[in-house]
Each structure stands twice: as structure tokens, then as C-alpha cells.
Amino acid sequence: VIQACFLMSDISSVSSYRAELESIFRCLHHIHYLGMKPSEIKQWCDNERAVHSSMEKPWGPSQLLNPDMDIILAIHDLKDRMGINAVVIILLRRTLQS
């Protein structure tokens, strides 16, 4: 089990949605950079919209107008480049609370 914490700096303002997307991207990028090929990646995320955006590819031109589409497309591109062996599972924290 590998654990990591990613810090963002030199940013004047960012939404929690964007911050969660950045975290998803940075985690995937680091795993890809190290050449690791895990069969499963579990990452914690408490923003349901970020979970959906990172799991579902954009399906129409209107979605490309989303201000955070750059990071969403980067996540999907990276997932594609990592290959089929990297199944990304992103869990919402609240689903584990009783």
C-alpha cells in the first residue's frame, strides 16, 4: 500500500471541485511517471461531481465549455495512456460513514 499527499501552491483561488480534480490528476500522473502498473487504484474524494467527472468521459460539445474541462480531459487522457490494467476507483468519504 502506497500513501501520498499532494499539495498545491501559488494559487490565489480554487474551488473544492477543481482541487479534487487536481488531486485525482496528480495522483494518476505520479503513478504513471513511476511506471507503476497497479491493477487497482483507490483514491479518496469527497466531491461527488469530481468523482463523476473523472469517471465519465465528456459526451458532448456543450460539456467542453466547462471551465475545468482542461483538467477533466487531462485525467481521461492519462487514464487512457495508463492502459486497461489501471482501474481507477474513487470513493466518496461519506459512503464509509455509518
Protein backbone atom coordinates (compact mmCIF):
# COMPACT_ATOMS: atom_id res chain seq x y z
CA VAL A 1 0.00 0.00 0.00
CA ILE A 2 1.36 3.39 -1.02
CA GLN A 3 0.01 6.59 0.50
CA ALA A 4 0.64 10.14 -0.69
CA CYS A 5 -0.37 13.70 -0.02
CA PHE A 6 -0.34 16.26 -2.83
CA LEU A 7 -0.03 19.96 -2.05
CA MET A 8 -0.98 22.80 -4.35
CA SER A 9 0.84 26.11 -4.01
CA ASP A 10 0.96 29.57 -5.61
CA ILE A 11 -2.77 29.56 -6.38
CA SER A 12 -4.89 32.59 -5.49
CA SER A 13 -8.27 30.82 -5.52
CA VAL A 14 -9.59 27.40 -6.42
CA SER A 15 -12.93 25.66 -5.91
CA SER A 16 -13.17 22.41 -3.96
CA TYR A 17 -14.26 20.77 -7.21
CA ARG A 18 -11.10 21.91 -9.01
CA ALA A 19 -8.94 20.94 -6.03
CA GLU A 20 -10.33 17.39 -6.04
CA LEU A 21 -9.80 17.12 -9.82
CA GLU A 22 -6.20 18.33 -9.40
CA SER A 23 -5.65 15.72 -6.70
CA ILE A 24 -7.01 12.94 -8.93
CA PHE A 25 -4.79 14.06 -11.81
CA ARG A 26 -1.64 14.44 -9.70
CA CYS A 27 -2.06 11.01 -8.15
CA LEU A 28 -2.55 9.33 -11.54
CA HIS A 29 0.32 11.32 -13.07
CA HIS A 30 2.73 10.28 -10.31
CA ILE A 31 1.80 6.61 -10.63
CA HIS A 32 2.25 6.84 -14.41
CA TYR A 33 5.56 8.73 -14.01
CA LEU A 34 6.93 5.99 -11.74
CA GLY A 35 5.97 3.38 -14.32
CA MET A 36 3.79 1.55 -11.85
CA LYS A 37 1.06 -0.68 -13.27
CA PRO A 38 -1.33 -1.36 -10.39
CA SER A 39 -4.42 -3.45 -11.04
CA GLU A 40 -6.46 -1.07 -8.91
CA ILE A 41 -6.10 2.46 -7.60
CA LYS A 42 -8.24 3.61 -4.69
CA GLN A 43 -8.37 7.31 -4.07
CA TRP A 44 -10.47 9.21 -1.55
CA CYS A 45 -12.62 12.06 -2.81
CA ASP A 46 -15.48 13.88 -1.09
CA ASN A 47 -16.74 15.86 -4.08
CA GLU A 48 -19.38 13.83 -5.91
CA ARG A 49 -19.19 15.99 -9.02
CA ALA A 50 -15.43 15.44 -9.25
CA VAL A 51 -15.94 11.69 -8.90
CA HIS A 52 -18.46 11.69 -11.75
CA SER A 53 -16.32 13.94 -13.98
CA SER A 54 -13.25 11.76 -13.53
CA MET A 55 -15.12 8.51 -14.17
CA GLU A 56 -17.33 9.56 -17.12
CA LYS A 57 -15.78 10.93 -20.30
CA PRO A 58 -17.35 14.13 -21.67
CA TRP A 59 -20.02 13.12 -24.18
CA GLY A 60 -20.96 16.32 -25.98
CA PRO A 61 -19.67 19.65 -27.27
CA SER A 62 -21.57 21.61 -24.61
CA GLN A 63 -19.55 19.91 -21.88
CA LEU A 64 -16.34 21.22 -23.42
CA LEU A 65 -17.36 24.71 -22.26
CA ASN A 66 -16.92 23.68 -18.63
CA PRO A 67 -14.24 25.96 -17.10
CA ASP A 68 -12.50 22.92 -15.58
CA MET A 69 -12.55 20.85 -18.76
CA ASP A 70 -8.77 21.14 -19.14
CA ILE A 71 -8.11 19.04 -16.06
CA ILE A 72 -11.01 16.67 -16.80
CA LEU A 73 -9.65 15.94 -20.29
CA ALA A 74 -6.14 15.54 -18.84
CA ILE A 75 -7.46 12.94 -16.35
CA HIS A 76 -9.17 10.94 -19.10
CA ASP A 77 -6.16 11.15 -21.41
CA LEU A 78 -3.88 9.92 -18.64
CA LYS A 79 -6.24 7.08 -17.73
CA ASP A 80 -6.26 6.02 -21.40
CA ARG A 81 -2.44 6.15 -21.60
CA MET A 82 -2.12 4.07 -18.42
CA GLY A 83 -3.92 1.24 -20.17
CA ILE A 84 -6.62 -1.15 -19.25
CA ASN A 85 -4.70 -2.59 -16.29
CA ALA A 86 -5.21 0.60 -14.29
CA VAL A 87 -8.76 0.52 -12.98
CA VAL A 88 -9.40 3.73 -11.09
CA ILE A 89 -11.87 3.56 -8.22
CA ILE A 90 -12.65 6.81 -6.47
CA LEU A 91 -14.66 6.57 -3.29
CA LEU A 92 -16.69 9.23 -1.55
CA ARG A 93 -15.81 9.58 2.12
CA ARG A 94 -19.42 9.83 3.20
CA THR A 95 -20.19 6.33 1.85
CA LEU A 96 -17.96 4.86 4.56
CA GLN A 97 -19.51 6.78 7.43
CA SER A 98 -22.13 4.98 9.48
